[in-house]
N, C-alpha and C. Protein backbone atom coordinates (compact mmCIF):
# COMPACT_ATOMS: atom_id res chain seq x y z
N MET A 1 57.73 -75.76 158.91
CA MET A 1 58.17 -76.92 159.47
C MET A 1 57.01 -77.92 159.63
N ASP A 2 57.13 -79.08 158.86
CA ASP A 2 56.12 -79.97 158.84
C ASP A 2 56.45 -81.33 159.53
N ILE A 3 56.04 -81.38 160.81
CA ILE A 3 56.32 -82.47 161.66
C ILE A 3 55.12 -83.37 161.93
N SER A 4 55.29 -84.62 161.79
CA SER A 4 54.09 -85.52 162.10
C SER A 4 53.76 -85.35 163.76
N SER A 5 52.43 -85.67 163.85
CA SER A 5 52.15 -85.79 165.39
C SER A 5 52.86 -86.52 166.13
N HIS A 6 53.16 -87.86 165.65
CA HIS A 6 54.01 -88.80 166.40
C HIS A 6 55.44 -88.14 166.60
N ALA A 7 55.97 -87.49 165.72
CA ALA A 7 57.35 -86.78 165.92
C ALA A 7 57.31 -85.88 167.02
N LEU A 8 56.24 -84.98 166.95
CA LEU A 8 55.98 -83.80 167.98
C LEU A 8 55.88 -84.46 169.28
N ARG A 9 55.00 -85.69 169.41
CA ARG A 9 54.79 -86.21 170.73
C ARG A 9 56.14 -86.75 171.24
N LYS A 10 57.00 -87.34 170.47
CA LYS A 10 58.20 -87.86 170.75
C LYS A 10 59.18 -86.66 171.25
N TRP A 11 59.12 -85.45 170.54
CA TRP A 11 59.90 -84.34 170.81
C TRP A 11 59.43 -83.89 172.22
N LEU A 12 58.11 -83.71 172.46
CA LEU A 12 57.60 -83.26 173.78
C LEU A 12 58.17 -84.28 174.80
N ARG A 13 58.12 -85.42 174.67
CA ARG A 13 58.53 -86.41 175.70
C ARG A 13 60.04 -86.33 175.89
N ASP A 14 60.86 -86.00 174.91
CA ASP A 14 62.30 -86.14 175.01
C ASP A 14 62.92 -84.70 175.25
N SER A 15 62.04 -83.51 175.45
CA SER A 15 62.68 -82.34 175.54
C SER A 15 62.79 -81.81 176.87
N GLY A 16 62.70 -82.80 177.85
CA GLY A 16 62.91 -82.25 179.25
C GLY A 16 61.78 -81.38 179.80
N PRO A 17 62.07 -80.47 180.65
CA PRO A 17 61.03 -79.64 181.15
C PRO A 17 60.30 -78.66 180.15
N LEU A 18 60.86 -78.53 178.86
CA LEU A 18 60.28 -77.71 177.85
C LEU A 18 59.00 -78.39 177.35
N GLY A 19 58.87 -79.64 177.29
CA GLY A 19 57.72 -80.43 176.70
C GLY A 19 56.50 -80.00 177.55
N PRO A 20 56.53 -80.27 178.92
CA PRO A 20 55.47 -79.94 179.74
C PRO A 20 55.02 -78.50 179.71
N ALA A 21 56.01 -77.68 179.68
CA ALA A 21 55.76 -76.04 179.57
C ALA A 21 54.99 -75.92 178.40
N VAL A 22 55.41 -76.43 177.19
CA VAL A 22 54.70 -76.23 176.01
C VAL A 22 53.19 -76.69 176.10
N LEU A 23 53.19 -77.75 176.67
CA LEU A 23 51.69 -78.47 176.83
C LEU A 23 50.83 -77.44 177.79
N GLY A 24 51.41 -76.96 178.77
CA GLY A 24 50.69 -76.16 179.77
C GLY A 24 50.48 -74.72 179.12
N PHE A 25 51.24 -74.18 178.29
CA PHE A 25 51.00 -72.96 177.46
C PHE A 25 49.88 -73.21 176.55
N ALA A 26 49.99 -74.52 175.79
CA ALA A 26 48.86 -74.83 174.83
C ALA A 26 47.48 -74.90 175.55
N ARG A 27 47.53 -75.44 176.75
CA ARG A 27 46.24 -75.33 177.55
C ARG A 27 45.76 -73.85 177.92
N GLN A 28 46.71 -73.14 178.30
CA GLN A 28 46.38 -71.61 178.54
C GLN A 28 45.87 -71.03 177.21
N LEU A 29 46.45 -71.25 176.14
CA LEU A 29 46.07 -70.52 174.75
C LEU A 29 44.76 -71.25 174.12
N GLY A 30 44.67 -72.45 174.26
CA GLY A 30 43.50 -73.20 173.74
C GLY A 30 42.32 -73.23 174.68
N GLY A 31 42.51 -73.09 175.87
CA GLY A 31 41.49 -73.27 176.82
C GLY A 31 40.64 -71.95 177.12
N ARG A 32 40.99 -70.90 176.40
CA ARG A 32 40.44 -69.53 176.79
C ARG A 32 39.25 -69.22 175.90
N SER A 33 38.73 -70.30 175.09
CA SER A 33 37.71 -70.06 174.17
C SER A 33 36.43 -69.70 174.86
N ALA A 34 36.13 -69.96 176.08
CA ALA A 34 34.86 -69.56 176.66
C ALA A 34 34.64 -68.02 176.79
N LEU A 35 35.75 -67.31 176.64
CA LEU A 35 35.58 -65.81 176.72
C LEU A 35 34.95 -65.33 175.46
N GLY A 36 34.97 -66.11 174.31
CA GLY A 36 34.45 -65.53 173.08
C GLY A 36 35.15 -64.48 172.43
N GLY A 37 36.18 -64.11 172.79
CA GLY A 37 37.01 -63.02 172.18
C GLY A 37 37.95 -63.38 171.00
N ARG A 38 38.58 -62.44 170.47
CA ARG A 38 39.51 -62.68 169.34
C ARG A 38 40.85 -62.84 169.84
N LEU A 39 41.71 -63.81 168.93
CA LEU A 39 43.15 -63.96 169.19
C LEU A 39 43.91 -63.17 168.28
N PHE A 40 44.84 -62.25 168.83
CA PHE A 40 45.78 -61.61 167.98
C PHE A 40 47.13 -62.12 168.30
N VAL A 41 47.89 -62.40 167.25
CA VAL A 41 49.20 -62.77 167.31
C VAL A 41 50.09 -61.67 166.81
N LEU A 42 51.29 -61.41 167.41
CA LEU A 42 52.20 -60.43 166.90
C LEU A 42 53.60 -60.80 167.35
N GLY A 43 54.59 -60.15 166.62
CA GLY A 43 55.94 -60.42 166.95
C GLY A 43 56.65 -58.81 166.67
N PRO A 44 57.94 -58.84 166.92
CA PRO A 44 58.62 -57.50 166.71
C PRO A 44 58.72 -57.38 165.14
N PRO A 45 58.86 -56.16 164.64
CA PRO A 45 58.92 -55.80 163.22
C PRO A 45 59.86 -56.70 162.50
N GLU A 46 61.00 -57.17 163.02
CA GLU A 46 61.74 -58.03 162.25
C GLU A 46 61.45 -59.52 162.30
N PHE A 47 60.38 -59.91 162.97
CA PHE A 47 59.97 -61.16 163.08
C PHE A 47 58.40 -61.26 163.24
N GLU A 48 57.69 -61.27 162.21
CA GLU A 48 56.25 -61.39 162.12
C GLU A 48 55.98 -62.94 162.12
N PRO A 49 55.37 -63.53 163.14
CA PRO A 49 55.03 -65.00 163.20
C PRO A 49 53.95 -65.41 162.21
N TRP A 50 54.15 -65.22 160.83
CA TRP A 50 53.07 -65.57 160.01
C TRP A 50 53.04 -67.01 159.90
N HIS A 51 54.14 -67.64 159.85
CA HIS A 51 54.14 -69.05 159.71
C HIS A 51 53.26 -69.82 160.87
N PHE A 52 53.66 -69.41 162.10
CA PHE A 52 53.01 -69.98 163.34
C PHE A 52 51.50 -69.69 163.16
N THR A 53 51.10 -68.47 162.75
CA THR A 53 49.70 -68.01 162.72
C THR A 53 48.91 -68.85 161.52
N ARG A 54 49.73 -69.12 160.46
CA ARG A 54 49.06 -69.86 159.34
C ARG A 54 48.78 -71.30 159.89
N HIS A 55 49.80 -71.87 160.43
CA HIS A 55 49.64 -73.26 161.07
C HIS A 55 48.54 -73.37 162.10
N LEU A 56 48.51 -72.34 162.99
CA LEU A 56 47.42 -72.37 164.00
C LEU A 56 46.13 -72.25 163.45
N ALA A 57 46.12 -71.33 162.42
CA ALA A 57 44.54 -71.20 161.62
C ALA A 57 44.26 -72.50 160.96
N GLU A 58 45.24 -73.10 160.27
CA GLU A 58 44.86 -74.43 159.62
C GLU A 58 44.39 -75.55 160.64
N ASN A 59 45.05 -75.53 161.67
CA ASN A 59 44.85 -76.64 162.76
C ASN A 59 43.55 -76.38 163.46
N CYS A 60 43.21 -75.03 163.58
CA CYS A 60 41.91 -74.68 164.17
C CYS A 60 40.68 -75.00 163.25
N HIS A 61 40.80 -74.78 161.92
CA HIS A 61 39.91 -75.15 160.97
C HIS A 61 39.78 -76.58 160.94
N HIS A 62 40.80 -77.29 161.00
CA HIS A 62 40.74 -78.84 160.89
C HIS A 62 39.98 -79.44 162.14
N GLU A 63 40.20 -78.77 163.42
CA GLU A 63 39.71 -79.20 164.42
C GLU A 63 38.33 -78.61 164.78
N GLY A 64 37.79 -77.68 164.06
CA GLY A 64 36.57 -77.09 164.37
C GLY A 64 36.69 -76.16 165.35
N ARG A 65 37.83 -75.56 165.62
CA ARG A 65 37.93 -74.46 166.64
C ARG A 65 38.06 -73.09 166.04
N HIS A 66 36.87 -72.71 165.60
CA HIS A 66 36.82 -71.48 165.03
C HIS A 66 37.01 -70.25 166.03
N ASP A 67 36.74 -70.55 167.19
CA ASP A 67 36.92 -69.62 168.26
C ASP A 67 38.43 -69.13 168.36
N LEU A 68 39.31 -70.11 168.09
CA LEU A 68 40.72 -69.83 168.28
C LEU A 68 41.57 -69.45 167.04
N ILE A 69 40.83 -69.22 165.93
CA ILE A 69 41.40 -68.70 164.67
C ILE A 69 42.20 -67.45 164.96
N PRO A 70 43.53 -67.32 164.73
CA PRO A 70 44.21 -66.14 165.15
C PRO A 70 44.13 -65.08 163.95
N HIS A 71 44.50 -63.89 164.31
CA HIS A 71 44.71 -62.82 163.44
C HIS A 71 45.96 -62.29 163.67
N LEU A 72 46.84 -62.25 162.54
CA LEU A 72 48.29 -61.74 162.67
C LEU A 72 48.23 -60.29 162.59
N LEU A 73 48.81 -59.64 163.48
CA LEU A 73 49.03 -58.20 163.50
C LEU A 73 50.38 -57.87 162.72
N ARG A 74 50.28 -57.18 161.83
CA ARG A 74 51.50 -56.91 160.90
C ARG A 74 51.95 -55.54 160.92
N TRP A 75 53.24 -55.22 160.90
CA TRP A 75 53.84 -54.03 160.94
C TRP A 75 53.82 -53.48 159.58
N ARG A 76 53.91 -54.31 158.61
CA ARG A 76 53.81 -53.97 157.15
C ARG A 76 53.10 -55.04 156.46
N ILE A 77 51.82 -54.84 155.77
CA ILE A 77 51.00 -55.77 155.38
C ILE A 77 51.35 -55.99 153.82
N PRO A 78 51.87 -57.14 153.42
CA PRO A 78 52.19 -57.32 151.96
C PRO A 78 50.85 -57.24 151.04
N ASP A 79 50.87 -56.98 149.88
CA ASP A 79 49.66 -56.95 149.00
C ASP A 79 49.36 -58.56 148.81
N GLY A 80 48.16 -58.67 148.75
CA GLY A 80 47.46 -60.02 148.59
C GLY A 80 47.49 -60.87 149.89
N ALA A 81 47.78 -60.29 151.03
CA ALA A 81 47.81 -61.26 152.21
C ALA A 81 46.39 -61.56 152.57
N PRO A 82 46.21 -62.86 153.06
CA PRO A 82 44.87 -63.32 153.31
C PRO A 82 44.33 -62.49 154.54
N PRO A 83 43.09 -62.31 154.79
CA PRO A 83 42.50 -61.49 155.91
C PRO A 83 43.17 -61.98 157.21
N HIS A 84 43.36 -63.15 157.57
CA HIS A 84 43.74 -63.53 158.96
C HIS A 84 45.28 -63.16 159.10
N LEU A 85 46.06 -62.76 157.92
CA LEU A 85 47.45 -62.48 157.99
C LEU A 85 47.58 -61.06 157.64
N ALA A 86 46.56 -60.26 157.80
CA ALA A 86 46.71 -58.78 157.19
C ALA A 86 46.03 -57.93 158.11
N THR A 87 46.09 -58.02 159.44
CA THR A 87 45.57 -56.94 160.29
C THR A 87 46.74 -55.97 160.75
N PRO A 88 46.43 -54.68 160.50
CA PRO A 88 47.54 -53.62 161.12
C PRO A 88 47.76 -53.85 162.51
N VAL A 89 49.04 -53.54 163.02
CA VAL A 89 49.35 -53.73 164.23
C VAL A 89 48.68 -52.72 165.20
N ASP A 90 48.28 -51.53 164.59
CA ASP A 90 47.51 -50.60 165.48
C ASP A 90 46.14 -51.02 165.81
N GLN A 91 45.73 -52.15 165.42
CA GLN A 91 44.42 -52.69 165.87
C GLN A 91 44.46 -53.23 167.20
N LEU A 92 45.75 -53.42 167.79
CA LEU A 92 46.01 -53.97 169.19
C LEU A 92 45.36 -52.89 170.22
N PHE A 93 45.21 -51.81 169.71
CA PHE A 93 44.74 -50.66 170.63
C PHE A 93 43.18 -50.77 170.75
N LEU A 94 42.64 -51.62 169.94
CA LEU A 94 41.08 -51.83 170.08
C LEU A 94 40.63 -53.12 170.77
N VAL A 95 41.66 -53.75 171.36
CA VAL A 95 41.35 -54.96 172.17
C VAL A 95 40.68 -54.57 173.56
N GLY A 96 40.03 -55.61 173.93
CA GLY A 96 39.38 -55.28 175.25
C GLY A 96 39.22 -56.60 175.97
N PRO A 97 38.48 -56.63 177.08
CA PRO A 97 38.29 -57.91 177.79
C PRO A 97 37.65 -59.04 176.93
N GLY A 98 38.16 -60.11 177.25
CA GLY A 98 37.66 -61.35 176.42
C GLY A 98 38.69 -61.65 175.17
N ASP A 99 39.42 -60.52 174.74
CA ASP A 99 40.43 -60.76 173.67
C ASP A 99 41.56 -61.35 174.28
N ARG A 100 42.46 -62.06 173.39
CA ARG A 100 43.64 -62.59 173.68
C ARG A 100 44.73 -62.02 172.80
N CYS A 101 45.88 -61.89 173.36
CA CYS A 101 46.99 -61.34 172.54
C CYS A 101 48.20 -62.24 172.87
N LEU A 102 48.79 -62.81 171.74
CA LEU A 102 49.89 -63.75 171.82
C LEU A 102 51.11 -63.14 171.25
N ALA A 103 52.19 -62.78 171.96
CA ALA A 103 53.36 -62.06 171.56
C ALA A 103 54.43 -63.17 171.43
N ILE A 104 55.02 -63.21 170.24
CA ILE A 104 56.06 -64.17 170.01
C ILE A 104 57.37 -63.41 169.60
N CYS A 105 58.46 -63.80 170.28
CA CYS A 105 59.79 -63.04 169.92
C CYS A 105 60.83 -64.15 170.04
N PRO A 106 61.70 -64.38 168.96
CA PRO A 106 62.71 -65.47 169.10
C PRO A 106 63.96 -64.98 169.75
N HIS A 107 63.93 -63.88 170.36
CA HIS A 107 65.18 -63.42 171.05
C HIS A 107 64.69 -62.74 172.37
N PRO A 108 65.66 -62.40 173.22
CA PRO A 108 65.27 -61.81 174.67
C PRO A 108 64.94 -60.42 174.48
N ASP A 109 65.24 -59.68 173.49
CA ASP A 109 64.89 -58.14 173.34
C ASP A 109 63.77 -58.02 172.41
N PRO A 110 62.54 -57.84 173.14
CA PRO A 110 61.31 -57.64 172.29
C PRO A 110 61.10 -56.36 171.56
N GLY A 111 61.93 -55.48 171.83
CA GLY A 111 61.76 -54.11 171.26
C GLY A 111 60.28 -53.43 171.76
N PRO A 112 59.60 -52.97 170.56
CA PRO A 112 58.36 -52.25 170.89
C PRO A 112 57.19 -53.30 171.43
N LEU A 113 57.51 -54.49 171.43
CA LEU A 113 56.42 -55.43 171.83
C LEU A 113 55.96 -55.34 173.20
N VAL A 114 56.96 -54.97 174.10
CA VAL A 114 56.62 -54.77 175.61
C VAL A 114 55.56 -53.73 175.81
N ASN A 115 55.74 -52.55 175.25
CA ASN A 115 54.64 -51.42 175.39
C ASN A 115 53.49 -51.97 174.84
N LEU A 116 53.40 -52.51 173.53
CA LEU A 116 52.12 -52.92 172.94
C LEU A 116 51.38 -53.88 173.69
N VAL A 117 51.89 -54.81 174.19
CA VAL A 117 51.16 -55.92 175.01
C VAL A 117 50.87 -55.42 176.35
N ALA A 118 51.74 -54.67 176.96
CA ALA A 118 51.35 -53.92 178.25
C ALA A 118 50.02 -53.16 178.07
N THR A 119 49.88 -52.38 176.85
CA THR A 119 48.82 -51.54 176.62
C THR A 119 47.59 -52.52 176.57
N ALA A 120 47.70 -53.74 175.76
CA ALA A 120 46.56 -54.59 175.53
C ALA A 120 46.24 -55.13 176.83
N ARG A 121 47.03 -55.48 177.77
CA ARG A 121 46.68 -56.04 179.01
C ARG A 121 45.98 -54.90 179.93
N SER A 122 46.35 -53.73 179.78
CA SER A 122 45.79 -52.72 180.58
C SER A 122 44.32 -52.48 180.09
N ARG A 123 43.98 -52.76 178.85
CA ARG A 123 42.78 -52.69 178.30
C ARG A 123 41.85 -53.83 178.49
N GLY A 124 42.35 -54.87 179.33
CA GLY A 124 41.54 -56.05 179.65
C GLY A 124 41.92 -57.32 178.84
N ALA A 125 42.76 -57.27 177.88
CA ALA A 125 43.05 -58.49 177.09
C ALA A 125 43.77 -59.46 178.04
N THR A 126 43.76 -60.76 177.80
CA THR A 126 44.66 -61.80 178.33
C THR A 126 45.92 -61.78 177.41
N VAL A 127 47.05 -61.65 178.09
CA VAL A 127 48.25 -61.60 177.24
C VAL A 127 49.16 -62.84 177.51
N LEU A 128 49.53 -63.55 176.40
CA LEU A 128 50.39 -64.63 176.47
C LEU A 128 51.62 -64.24 175.68
N THR A 129 52.78 -64.74 176.24
CA THR A 129 54.01 -64.24 175.65
C THR A 129 54.95 -65.55 175.56
N THR A 130 55.78 -65.53 174.61
CA THR A 130 56.75 -66.57 174.41
C THR A 130 58.10 -65.89 173.87
N ASN A 131 59.24 -66.23 174.33
CA ASN A 131 60.52 -65.91 173.73
C ASN A 131 61.60 -66.68 174.44
N ARG A 132 62.73 -66.30 174.04
CA ARG A 132 63.90 -66.95 174.53
C ARG A 132 64.50 -66.14 175.60
N ASP A 133 64.69 -66.91 176.71
CA ASP A 133 65.29 -66.33 178.13
C ASP A 133 64.50 -65.34 178.76
N GLY A 134 63.33 -65.30 178.55
CA GLY A 134 62.42 -64.42 179.34
C GLY A 134 62.61 -63.07 178.94
N GLY A 135 63.34 -62.21 179.79
CA GLY A 135 63.47 -60.85 179.61
C GLY A 135 62.22 -59.99 179.92
N PRO A 136 62.25 -58.83 179.36
CA PRO A 136 61.11 -57.80 179.71
C PRO A 136 59.67 -58.36 179.17
N LEU A 137 59.57 -59.16 178.14
CA LEU A 137 58.37 -59.61 177.62
C LEU A 137 57.76 -60.60 178.70
N ALA A 138 58.46 -61.36 179.36
CA ALA A 138 57.90 -62.35 180.35
C ALA A 138 57.20 -61.62 181.44
N THR A 139 57.58 -60.41 181.81
CA THR A 139 56.90 -59.64 182.83
C THR A 139 55.70 -59.00 182.49
N VAL A 140 55.25 -58.93 181.24
CA VAL A 140 53.94 -58.29 180.81
C VAL A 140 52.90 -59.19 180.54
N GLY A 141 53.20 -60.48 180.56
CA GLY A 141 52.26 -61.34 180.06
C GLY A 141 51.34 -62.00 181.36
N ASP A 142 50.28 -62.38 181.06
CA ASP A 142 49.33 -63.28 182.04
C ASP A 142 50.05 -64.59 182.17
N HIS A 143 50.56 -65.15 180.95
CA HIS A 143 51.07 -66.49 180.77
C HIS A 143 52.32 -66.32 180.00
N HIS A 144 53.23 -67.12 180.25
CA HIS A 144 54.64 -66.89 179.55
C HIS A 144 55.33 -68.28 179.39
N LEU A 145 55.83 -68.52 178.07
CA LEU A 145 56.63 -69.65 177.78
C LEU A 145 57.95 -69.28 177.43
N THR A 146 58.95 -69.67 178.16
CA THR A 146 60.46 -69.30 177.88
C THR A 146 61.11 -70.60 177.22
N VAL A 147 61.73 -70.36 176.07
CA VAL A 147 62.66 -71.38 175.59
C VAL A 147 64.12 -70.89 175.96
N ASP A 148 64.77 -71.65 176.67
CA ASP A 148 66.08 -71.23 177.02
C ASP A 148 66.96 -70.80 175.71
N ARG A 149 67.54 -69.74 175.89
CA ARG A 149 68.53 -69.42 174.84
C ARG A 149 69.75 -70.31 174.55
N SER A 150 69.99 -71.19 175.38
CA SER A 150 71.09 -72.23 175.24
C SER A 150 70.60 -73.22 174.24
N CYS A 151 69.33 -73.37 174.09
CA CYS A 151 68.65 -74.30 173.22
C CYS A 151 68.88 -73.80 171.76
N PRO A 152 69.15 -74.67 170.83
CA PRO A 152 69.27 -74.13 169.45
C PRO A 152 67.88 -73.41 169.02
N LEU A 153 68.09 -72.60 168.01
CA LEU A 153 66.75 -71.82 167.54
C LEU A 153 65.69 -72.77 166.98
N GLY A 154 66.06 -73.93 166.59
CA GLY A 154 65.26 -74.97 166.17
C GLY A 154 64.33 -75.51 167.17
N GLU A 155 64.76 -75.32 168.47
CA GLU A 155 63.95 -75.80 169.65
C GLU A 155 62.86 -74.82 169.76
N PHE A 156 63.04 -73.57 169.48
CA PHE A 156 62.09 -72.47 169.65
C PHE A 156 61.03 -72.82 168.57
N ASP A 157 61.54 -72.98 167.32
CA ASP A 157 60.46 -73.34 166.21
C ASP A 157 59.76 -74.55 166.46
N ARG A 158 60.39 -75.55 167.09
CA ARG A 158 59.54 -76.76 167.43
C ARG A 158 58.53 -76.57 168.47
N ALA A 159 58.88 -75.66 169.44
CA ALA A 159 57.96 -75.46 170.53
C ALA A 159 56.74 -74.58 169.95
N LEU A 160 57.05 -73.71 168.92
CA LEU A 160 55.89 -72.98 168.30
C LEU A 160 55.02 -74.02 167.48
N HIS A 161 55.70 -74.82 166.83
CA HIS A 161 54.90 -75.86 166.09
C HIS A 161 54.07 -76.62 166.99
N ALA A 162 54.57 -77.16 167.92
CA ALA A 162 53.88 -77.85 168.97
C ALA A 162 52.68 -77.02 169.57
N LEU A 163 52.92 -75.83 169.81
CA LEU A 163 51.87 -74.98 170.31
C LEU A 163 50.72 -74.95 169.30
N ALA A 164 51.10 -74.60 168.02
CA ALA A 164 50.08 -74.47 167.02
C ALA A 164 49.33 -75.81 166.80
N THR A 165 49.95 -76.97 166.95
CA THR A 165 49.33 -78.26 166.78
C THR A 165 48.47 -78.46 168.12
N PHE A 166 48.78 -78.21 169.23
CA PHE A 166 48.14 -78.84 170.34
C PHE A 166 47.14 -77.95 171.01
N ALA A 167 47.24 -76.57 170.75
CA ALA A 167 46.33 -75.68 171.39
C ALA A 167 44.98 -75.78 170.84
N PRO A 168 44.70 -76.09 169.66
CA PRO A 168 43.32 -76.40 169.13
C PRO A 168 42.80 -77.66 169.60
N LEU A 169 43.56 -78.57 170.17
CA LEU A 169 43.15 -79.76 170.56
C LEU A 169 42.61 -79.75 172.09
N GLN A 170 42.88 -78.55 172.68
CA GLN A 170 42.39 -78.27 174.14
C GLN A 170 40.91 -78.11 174.18
N PRO A 171 40.07 -79.04 174.69
CA PRO A 171 38.80 -78.81 174.93
C PRO A 171 38.37 -77.65 175.84
N SER A 172 37.46 -76.92 175.56
CA SER A 172 36.98 -75.80 176.32
C SER A 172 36.32 -76.23 177.68
N HIS A 173 35.91 -77.57 177.81
CA HIS A 173 35.31 -77.87 178.94
C HIS A 173 36.15 -78.34 179.99
N GLY A 174 37.50 -78.31 179.93
CA GLY A 174 38.36 -78.67 180.98
C GLY A 174 38.96 -79.95 180.99
N THR A 175 38.62 -80.92 180.18
CA THR A 175 39.22 -82.28 180.11
C THR A 175 40.37 -82.17 179.13
N HIS A 176 41.56 -82.53 179.52
CA HIS A 176 42.64 -82.56 178.66
C HIS A 176 43.00 -83.72 177.97
N TRP A 177 43.19 -83.58 176.60
CA TRP A 177 43.42 -84.77 175.81
C TRP A 177 44.70 -85.48 175.90
N TRP A 178 45.71 -84.73 176.60
CA TRP A 178 46.93 -85.49 176.85
C TRP A 178 46.89 -86.20 178.19
N GLY A 179 45.92 -86.23 178.82
CA GLY A 179 45.68 -87.08 180.16
C GLY A 179 46.73 -86.94 181.08
N ARG A 180 47.51 -87.95 181.45
CA ARG A 180 48.39 -87.98 182.62
C ARG A 180 49.64 -87.11 182.27
N HIS A 181 49.72 -86.47 181.08
CA HIS A 181 50.80 -85.72 180.76
C HIS A 181 50.45 -84.24 180.98
N SER A 182 49.31 -83.96 181.66
CA SER A 182 49.01 -82.53 181.81
C SER A 182 49.88 -81.96 182.90
N VAL A 183 49.94 -80.56 182.81
CA VAL A 183 50.71 -79.84 183.91
C VAL A 183 49.97 -78.85 184.35
N SER A 184 50.32 -78.27 185.58
CA SER A 184 49.63 -77.18 186.08
C SER A 184 50.33 -75.87 185.54
N ALA A 185 49.54 -74.96 185.13
CA ALA A 185 50.04 -73.79 184.57
C ALA A 185 49.57 -72.45 185.42
């Protein structure tokens, strides 16, 4: 999904409580760079968020946020996948303090994600989760973004696109680029 920054800002403004929630979640994701750890992104086996990971990586490169470039944890790695989209999911067991894990699931039932991210959290990683209607994934994250299931699936996609766009814009020194639109998270 290729949306202009202007269109995304309009969507954030017009999306009701979801807009501020996405911005707050972007602050949590983008503002954790001071820890210096790695960012791992994963989804359930039937939904590997490679598109989100690719957009976030591109935006991080563009903004000079090399500390936020994600590594997609894959259940099955296709031949020829670029390195940031080709990390096996079992690498999640090597996370530790300072690392971040972002679990993305487009439905309420995350399957094996709950146990994986709970393990990452028990090893000291900061866990961020997002899905539709909360569910068990919301209980294992340090920070969670819920997109109501009554919203069309396209709203979940737009929320992910906004997150990939705005997280790299989050300065690590605490000043928020969105000014008066900031929310407490």
